[in-house]
C-alpha atoms as a PDB file:
ATOM      1  CA  MET A   1     -33.370  43.532  42.260  1.00  0.00           C
ATOM      2  CA  GLY A   2     -29.719  42.527  42.307  1.00  0.00           C
ATOM      3  CA  LYS A   3     -29.449  39.383  40.213  1.00  0.00           C
ATOM      4  CA  VAL A   4     -33.171  38.591  40.663  1.00  0.00           C
ATOM      5  CA  GLU A   5     -35.567  39.822  37.977  1.00  0.00           C
ATOM      6  CA  VAL A   6     -39.050  40.547  39.245  1.00  0.00           C
ATOM      7  CA  PRO A   7     -41.783  40.666  36.579  1.00  0.00           C
ATOM      8  CA  ALA A   8     -44.111  43.361  37.911  1.00  0.00           C
ATOM      9  CA  LEU A   9     -46.290  43.224  34.775  1.00  0.00           C
ATOM     10  CA  GLN A  10     -46.829  40.385  32.442  1.00  0.00           C
ATOM     11  CA  GLY A  11     -49.205  40.017  29.528  1.00  0.00           C
ATOM     12  CA  VAL A  12     -51.118  43.238  30.207  1.00  0.00           C
ATOM     13  CA  SER A  13     -52.938  44.448  27.112  1.00  0.00           C
ATOM     14  CA  ARG A  14     -55.593  47.157  27.106  1.00  0.00           C
ATOM     15  CA  ILE A  15     -56.830  49.964  24.891  1.00  0.00           C
ATOM     16  CA  ILE A  16     -58.103  52.948  26.826  1.00  0.00           C
ATOM     17  CA  LYS A  17     -60.374  55.262  24.822  1.00  0.00           C
ATOM     18  CA  GLU A  18     -60.611  59.018  25.140  1.00  0.00           C
ATOM     19  CA  GLY A  19     -63.496  59.854  27.530  1.00  0.00           C
ATOM     20  CA  GLU A  20     -63.408  56.412  29.196  1.00  0.00           C
ATOM     21  CA  MET A  21     -63.642  55.841  32.937  1.00  0.00           C
ATOM     22  CA  LEU A  22     -62.270  52.656  34.359  1.00  0.00           C
ATOM     23  CA  ALA A  23     -60.863  51.089  37.506  1.00  0.00           C
ATOM     24  CA  ILE A  24     -57.576  49.115  37.679  1.00  0.00           C
ATOM     25  CA  MET A  25     -58.216  46.476  40.345  1.00  0.00           C
ATOM     26  CA  GLY A  26     -55.907  44.163  42.255  1.00  0.00           C
ATOM     27  CA  PRO A  27     -54.463  43.352  45.660  1.00  0.00           C
ATOM     28  CA  SER A  28     -51.252  44.904  47.034  1.00  0.00           C
ATOM     29  CA  GLY A  29     -48.180  43.715  45.092  1.00  0.00           C
ATOM     30  CA  SER A  30     -50.090  42.929  41.891  1.00  0.00           C
ATOM     31  CA  GLY A  31     -48.446  45.566  39.765  1.00  0.00           C
ATOM     32  CA  LYS A  32     -51.117  48.334  39.965  1.00  0.00           C
ATOM     33  CA  SER A  33     -48.695  51.097  40.877  1.00  0.00           C
ATOM     34  CA  THR A  34     -46.201  49.966  38.216  1.00  0.00           C
ATOM     35  CA  LEU A  35     -48.865  50.138  35.579  1.00  0.00           C
ATOM     36  CA  MET A  36     -50.061  53.563  36.759  1.00  0.00           C
ATOM     37  CA  ASN A  37     -46.527  54.896  36.621  1.00  0.00           C
ATOM     38  CA  ILE A  38     -46.186  53.746  33.056  1.00  0.00           C
ATOM     39  CA  ILE A  39     -49.594  55.103  32.029  1.00  0.00           C
ATOM     40  CA  GLY A  40     -48.640  58.369  33.714  1.00  0.00           C
ATOM     41  CA  CYS A  41     -45.288  58.565  31.955  1.00  0.00           C
ATOM     42  CA  LEU A  42     -43.410  58.442  35.288  1.00  0.00           C
ATOM     43  CA  ASP A  43     -41.665  55.289  34.103  1.00  0.00           C
ATOM     44  CA  VAL A  44     -41.234  53.450  30.823  1.00  0.00           C
ATOM     45  CA  PRO A  45     -41.579  49.672  30.125  1.00  0.00           C
ATOM     46  CA  THR A  46     -38.421  47.533  29.895  1.00  0.00           C
ATOM     47  CA  SER A  47     -40.186  45.595  27.147  1.00  0.00           C
ATOM     48  CA  GLY A  48     -43.546  45.635  25.414  1.00  0.00           C
ATOM     49  CA  ARG A  49     -45.108  48.882  24.084  1.00  0.00           C
ATOM     50  CA  TYR A  50     -47.170  51.754  25.522  1.00  0.00           C
ATOM     51  CA  SER A  51     -48.570  54.343  23.133  1.00  0.00           C
ATOM     52  CA  LEU A  52     -50.218  57.579  24.277  1.00  0.00           C
ATOM     53  CA  ALA A  53     -52.062  59.597  21.567  1.00  0.00           C
ATOM     54  CA  GLY A  54     -49.995  57.997  18.929  1.00  0.00           C
ATOM     55  CA  GLU A  55     -46.553  58.374  20.615  1.00  0.00           C
ATOM     56  CA  GLU A  56     -44.665  55.360  21.780  1.00  0.00           C
ATOM     57  CA  VAL A  57     -43.752  56.387  25.316  1.00  0.00           C
ATOM     58  CA  GLY A  58     -40.847  53.942  25.719  1.00  0.00           C
ATOM     59  CA  ARG A  59     -38.923  55.793  22.992  1.00  0.00           C
ATOM     60  CA  LEU A  60     -39.317  59.269  24.468  1.00  0.00           C
ATOM     61  CA  GLY A  61     -36.678  61.205  26.401  1.00  0.00           C
ATOM     62  CA  ASP A  62     -37.053  62.683  29.821  1.00  0.00           C
ATOM     63  CA  ASP A  63     -37.944  66.154  28.597  1.00  0.00           C
ATOM     64  CA  ARG A  64     -40.762  64.987  26.348  1.00  0.00           C
ATOM     65  CA  LEU A  65     -42.030  62.685  29.132  1.00  0.00           C
ATOM     66  CA  ALA A  66     -42.035  65.701  31.515  1.00  0.00           C
ATOM     67  CA  GLU A  67     -43.884  67.739  28.887  1.00  0.00           C
ATOM     68  CA  ILE A  68     -46.640  65.053  28.545  1.00  0.00           C
ATOM     69  CA  ARG A  69     -47.008  64.758  32.331  1.00  0.00           C
ATOM     70  CA  ASN A  70     -47.252  68.547  32.568  1.00  0.00           C
ATOM     71  CA  ARG A  71     -49.790  69.098  29.818  1.00  0.00           C
ATOM     72  CA  LYS A  72     -51.879  65.916  29.500  1.00  0.00           C
ATOM     73  CA  ILE A  73     -51.987  64.097  32.781  1.00  0.00           C
ATOM     74  CA  GLY A  74     -53.342  65.142  36.206  1.00  0.00           C
ATOM     75  CA  PHE A  75     -52.489  62.994  39.280  1.00  0.00           C
ATOM     76  CA  VAL A  76     -54.591  62.475  42.393  1.00  0.00           C
ATOM     77  CA  PHE A  77     -52.939  60.737  45.359  1.00  0.00           C
ATOM     78  CA  GLN A  78     -54.264  58.719  48.298  1.00  0.00           C
ATOM     79  CA  THR A  79     -52.461  60.923  50.841  1.00  0.00           C
ATOM     80  CA  TYR A  80     -53.556  64.258  49.233  1.00  0.00           C
ATOM     81  CA  ASN A  81     -49.907  65.605  49.300  1.00  0.00           C
ATOM     82  CA  LEU A  82     -51.039  69.135  50.247  1.00  0.00           C
ATOM     83  CA  LEU A  83     -48.697  71.754  51.698  1.00  0.00           C
ATOM     84  CA  HIS A  84     -50.111  72.595  55.122  1.00  0.00           C
ATOM     85  CA  ARG A  85     -48.784  76.149  55.182  1.00  0.00           C
ATOM     86  CA  LEU A  86     -50.785  77.044  52.061  1.00  0.00           C
ATOM     87  CA  THR A  87     -54.526  77.569  51.694  1.00  0.00           C
ATOM     88  CA  ALA A  88     -56.607  75.409  49.450  1.00  0.00           C
ATOM     89  CA  LEU A  89     -56.318  78.033  46.834  1.00  0.00           C
ATOM     90  CA  GLY A  90     -52.520  78.231  47.224  1.00  0.00           C
ATOM     91  CA  ASN A  91     -52.243  74.433  46.924  1.00  0.00           C
ATOM     92  CA  VAL A  92     -54.238  74.316  43.708  1.00  0.00           C
ATOM     93  CA  GLU A  93     -52.299  77.268  42.202  1.00  0.00           C
ATOM     94  CA  LEU A  94     -48.936  75.705  42.949  1.00  0.00           C
ATOM     95  CA  PRO A  95     -48.489  73.613  39.699  1.00  0.00           C
ATOM     96  CA  LEU A  96     -48.995  76.818  37.661  1.00  0.00           C
ATOM     97  CA  LEU A  97     -45.860  78.366  39.276  1.00  0.00           C
ATOM     98  CA  TYR A  98     -43.675  75.833  37.435  1.00  0.00           C
ATOM     99  CA  GLY A  99     -45.002  76.708  34.017  1.00  0.00           C
ATOM    100  CA  ASN A 100     -47.433  79.139  32.480  1.00  0.00           C
ATOM    101  CA  GLY A 101     -48.768  80.894  35.584  1.00  0.00           C
ATOM    102  CA  HIS A 102     -50.900  83.391  33.663  1.00  0.00           C
ATOM    103  CA  ASN A 103     -54.139  84.075  35.548  1.00  0.00           C
ATOM    104  CA  GLY A 104     -53.096  81.453  38.103  1.00  0.00           C
ATOM    105  CA  ARG A 105     -55.309  82.672  40.904  1.00  0.00           C
ATOM    106  CA  ARG A 106     -58.442  82.789  38.728  1.00  0.00           C
ATOM    107  CA  ARG A 107     -57.711  79.380  37.260  1.00  0.00           C
ATOM    108  CA  ALA A 108     -57.083  77.840  40.698  1.00  0.00           C
ATOM    109  CA  LEU A 109     -60.401  79.296  42.033  1.00  0.00           C
ATOM    110  CA  GLU A 110     -62.270  77.872  38.958  1.00  0.00           C
ATOM    111  CA  ALA A 111     -60.734  74.427  39.587  1.00  0.00           C
ATOM    112  CA  LEU A 112     -61.913  74.527  43.200  1.00  0.00           C
ATOM    113  CA  GLU A 113     -65.404  75.524  42.057  1.00  0.00           C
ATOM    114  CA  ARG A 114     -65.343  72.509  39.671  1.00  0.00           C
ATOM    115  CA  VAL A 115     -65.173  70.212  42.723  1.00  0.00           C
ATOM    116  CA  GLY A 116     -67.617  72.256  44.766  1.00  0.00           C
ATOM    117  CA  LEU A 117     -65.119  73.859  47.073  1.00  0.00           C
ATOM    118  CA  GLY A 118     -64.895  77.394  46.009  1.00  0.00           C
ATOM    119  CA  HIS A 119     -66.306  78.550  49.380  1.00  0.00           C
ATOM    120  CA  ARG A 120     -63.367  76.889  51.219  1.00  0.00           C
ATOM    121  CA  ALA A 121     -60.683  78.393  48.999  1.00  0.00           C
ATOM    122  CA  HIS A 122     -58.915  80.342  51.921  1.00  0.00           C
ATOM    123  CA  HIS A 123     -58.935  77.473  54.376  1.00  0.00           C
ATOM    124  CA  ARG A 124     -55.750  75.575  55.143  1.00  0.00           C
ATOM    125  CA  PRO A 125     -55.659  71.676  55.013  1.00  0.00           C
ATOM    126  CA  ALA A 126     -55.913  71.342  58.747  1.00  0.00           C
ATOM    127  CA  GLU A 127     -59.208  73.181  58.594  1.00  0.00           C
ATOM    128  CA  LEU A 128     -60.609  70.765  56.037  1.00  0.00           C
ATOM    129  CA  SER A 129     -62.084  67.319  56.308  1.00  0.00           C
ATOM    130  CA  GLY A 130     -60.412  64.355  54.557  1.00  0.00           C
ATOM    131  CA  GLY A 131     -62.936  64.392  51.790  1.00  0.00           C
ATOM    132  CA  GLU A 132     -62.416  68.190  51.312  1.00  0.00           C
ATOM    133  CA  GLN A 133     -58.652  67.707  51.196  1.00  0.00           C
ATOM    134  CA  GLN A 134     -59.053  65.132  48.430  1.00  0.00           C
ATOM    135  CA  ARG A 135     -61.274  67.584  46.502  1.00  0.00           C
ATOM    136  CA  VAL A 136     -58.421  70.081  46.771  1.00  0.00           C
ATOM    137  CA  GLY A 137     -56.119  67.340  45.406  1.00  0.00           C
ATOM    138  CA  ILE A 138     -58.501  66.834  42.456  1.00  0.00           C
ATOM    139  CA  ALA A 139     -58.670  70.578  41.815  1.00  0.00           C
ATOM    140  CA  ARG A 140     -54.900  70.751  41.809  1.00  0.00           C
ATOM    141  CA  ALA A 141     -54.838  67.959  39.217  1.00  0.00           C
ATOM    142  CA  LEU A 142     -57.474  69.797  37.088  1.00  0.00           C
ATOM    143  CA  VAL A 143     -55.909  73.301  37.173  1.00  0.00           C
ATOM    144  CA  LYS A 144     -53.821  72.683  34.005  1.00  0.00           C
ATOM    145  CA  ASN A 145     -56.691  71.220  32.137  1.00  0.00           C
ATOM    146  CA  PRO A 146     -55.309  67.718  31.509  1.00  0.00           C
ATOM    147  CA  SER A 147     -57.062  65.232  29.191  1.00  0.00           C
ATOM    148  CA  ILE A 148     -56.313  62.298  31.466  1.00  0.00           C
ATOM    149  CA  LEU A 149     -56.823  62.028  35.248  1.00  0.00           C
ATOM    150  CA  LEU A 150     -54.970  59.290  37.090  1.00  0.00           C
ATOM    151  CA  ALA A 151     -56.202  58.608  40.608  1.00  0.00           C
ATOM    152  CA  ASP A 152     -54.142  56.300  42.817  1.00  0.00           C
ATOM    153  CA  GLU A 153     -56.349  54.866  45.651  1.00  0.00           C
ATOM    154  CA  PRO A 154     -58.210  58.267  45.835  1.00  0.00           C
ATOM    155  CA  THR A 155     -60.615  56.946  48.542  1.00  0.00           C
ATOM    156  CA  GLY A 156     -58.094  54.882  50.573  1.00  0.00           C
ATOM    157  CA  ASN A 157     -58.079  57.319  53.543  1.00  0.00           C
ATOM    158  CA  LEU A 158     -61.763  58.257  53.478  1.00  0.00           C
ATOM    159  CA  ASP A 159     -64.919  57.018  55.101  1.00  0.00           C
ATOM    160  CA  SER A 160     -67.667  55.495  52.956  1.00  0.00           C
ATOM    161  CA  ARG A 161     -69.642  58.683  52.495  1.00  0.00           C
ATOM    162  CA  SER A 162     -66.679  60.761  51.498  1.00  0.00           C
ATOM    163  CA  SER A 163     -65.549  57.949  49.170  1.00  0.00           C
ATOM    164  CA  TYR A 164     -68.852  57.996  47.384  1.00  0.00           C
ATOM    165  CA  GLU A 165     -68.694  61.768  47.018  1.00  0.00           C
ATOM    166  CA  ILE A 166     -65.156  61.655  45.551  1.00  0.00           C
ATOM    167  CA  ILE A 167     -66.102  58.953  43.007  1.00  0.00           C
ATOM    168  CA  ALA A 168     -69.264  61.005  42.143  1.00  0.00           C
ATOM    169  CA  ILE A 169     -66.991  63.975  41.373  1.00  0.00           C
ATOM    170  CA  LEU A 170     -64.763  61.862  39.180  1.00  0.00           C
ATOM    171  CA  GLN A 171     -67.853  60.437  37.376  1.00  0.00           C
ATOM    172  CA  ARG A 172     -69.185  63.973  36.766  1.00  0.00           C
ATOM    173  CA  LEU A 173     -65.851  65.094  35.309  1.00  0.00           C
ATOM    174  CA  ASN A 174     -65.927  62.057  33.009  1.00  0.00           C
ATOM    175  CA  GLN A 175     -69.555  62.152  31.989  1.00  0.00           C
ATOM    176  CA  LYS A 176     -70.067  65.937  31.816  1.00  0.00           C
ATOM    177  CA  GLU A 177     -66.667  67.190  30.756  1.00  0.00           C
ATOM    178  CA  GLY A 178     -65.316  64.224  28.829  1.00  0.00           C
ATOM    179  CA  LEU A 179     -62.265  63.759  30.965  1.00  0.00           C
ATOM    180  CA  THR A 180     -60.533  60.346  30.801  1.00  0.00           C
ATOM    181  CA  VAL A 181     -60.453  58.957  34.298  1.00  0.00           C
ATOM    182  CA  ILE A 182     -58.383  56.003  35.440  1.00  0.00           C
ATOM    183  CA  ILE A 183     -58.696  54.872  39.083  1.00  0.00           C
ATOM    184  CA  VAL A 184     -56.275  52.467  40.788  1.00  0.00           C
ATOM    185  CA  THR A 185     -57.891  50.678  43.666  1.00  0.00           C
ATOM    186  CA  HIS A 186     -58.229  47.438  45.587  1.00  0.00           C
ATOM    187  CA  GLU A 187     -61.712  48.365  46.825  1.00  0.00           C
ATOM    188  CA  ALA A 188     -64.434  46.348  45.069  1.00  0.00           C
ATOM    189  CA  ASP A 189     -67.215  48.802  45.926  1.00  0.00           C
ATOM    190  CA  ILE A 190     -65.292  51.629  44.127  1.00  0.00           C
ATOM    191  CA  ASP A 191     -65.064  49.413  41.026  1.00  0.00           C
ATOM    192  CA  GLU A 192     -68.869  48.883  41.187  1.00  0.00           C
ATOM    193  CA  GLN A 193     -69.436  52.673  41.094  1.00  0.00           C
ATOM    194  CA  VAL A 194     -67.442  53.097  37.877  1.00  0.00           C
ATOM    195  CA  ARG A 195     -69.674  53.164  34.859  1.00  0.00           C
ATOM    196  CA  GLU A 196     -69.092  51.803  31.338  1.00  0.00           C
ATOM    197  CA  PRO A 197     -66.928  54.084  29.167  1.00  0.00           C
ATOM    198  CA  ARG A 198     -68.579  56.477  26.780  1.00  0.00           C
ATOM    199  CA  GLN A 199     -68.026  56.131  22.982  1.00  0.00           C
ATOM    200  CA  ALA A 200     -64.949  58.014  21.837  1.00  0.00           C
ATOM    201  CA  THR A 201     -61.760  57.794  19.738  1.00  0.00           C
ATOM    202  CA  SER A 202     -58.672  55.945  21.019  1.00  0.00           C
ATOM    203  CA  VAL A 203     -56.239  57.896  23.127  1.00  0.00           C
ATOM    204  CA  GLY A 204     -53.832  55.168  24.304  1.00  0.00           C
ATOM    205  CA  ALA A 205     -52.957  51.494  24.300  1.00  0.00           C
ATOM    206  CA  ALA A 206     -50.824  49.559  26.760  1.00  0.00           C
ATOM    207  CA  LYS A 207     -49.045  46.263  26.447  1.00  0.00           C
ATOM    208  CA  GLU A 208     -46.219  45.382  28.845  1.00  0.00           C
ATOM    209  CA  GLN A 209     -44.189  42.222  29.019  1.00  0.00           C
ATOM    210  CA  GLY A 210     -42.227  42.301  32.295  1.00  0.00           C
ATOM    211  CA  ARG A 211     -40.317  44.905  34.302  1.00  0.00           C
END
């Protein structure tokens, strides 16, 4: 920041295994978003090392980073980021329009059914509750069958009941389908819902020393 160097991450070291579910906890300003951006290949560390499935991310070019994000990582956001002119089905299908859109409508409907929202496929966001909108967001992240799901404060805009339902969906995706789930949150009760990771092989390791 000008002549001032701000260390957003220092001494972070963690191995995340394939099929693991975990929460990254911390107050605002503690570096959670920076760490999530690095894990999600949206950014690269200025020093230290981050390896994903054997590839050192810091050495990859923009095209390869975009390919990894497109094929391996699904993102879920606190504010849903849905297009209000599209139906739930249209929002979920949208990522397929930028790549292989083969059987896109069928794949989008299957993703909605995975989060229990197939019956609301033709409703627009304004016709859905906050919890249902977040389910659409999860379905949109799932439609390309990623191996890693990154959820940034996924319950931040929800009431306690809807929050519990969203975490339950993420737990089911992890426990029943083997999806690696990483949740960024400052809510202690969300952390308490996250179970211990299942046994699996290593998919990534992170070690950052400053930003």
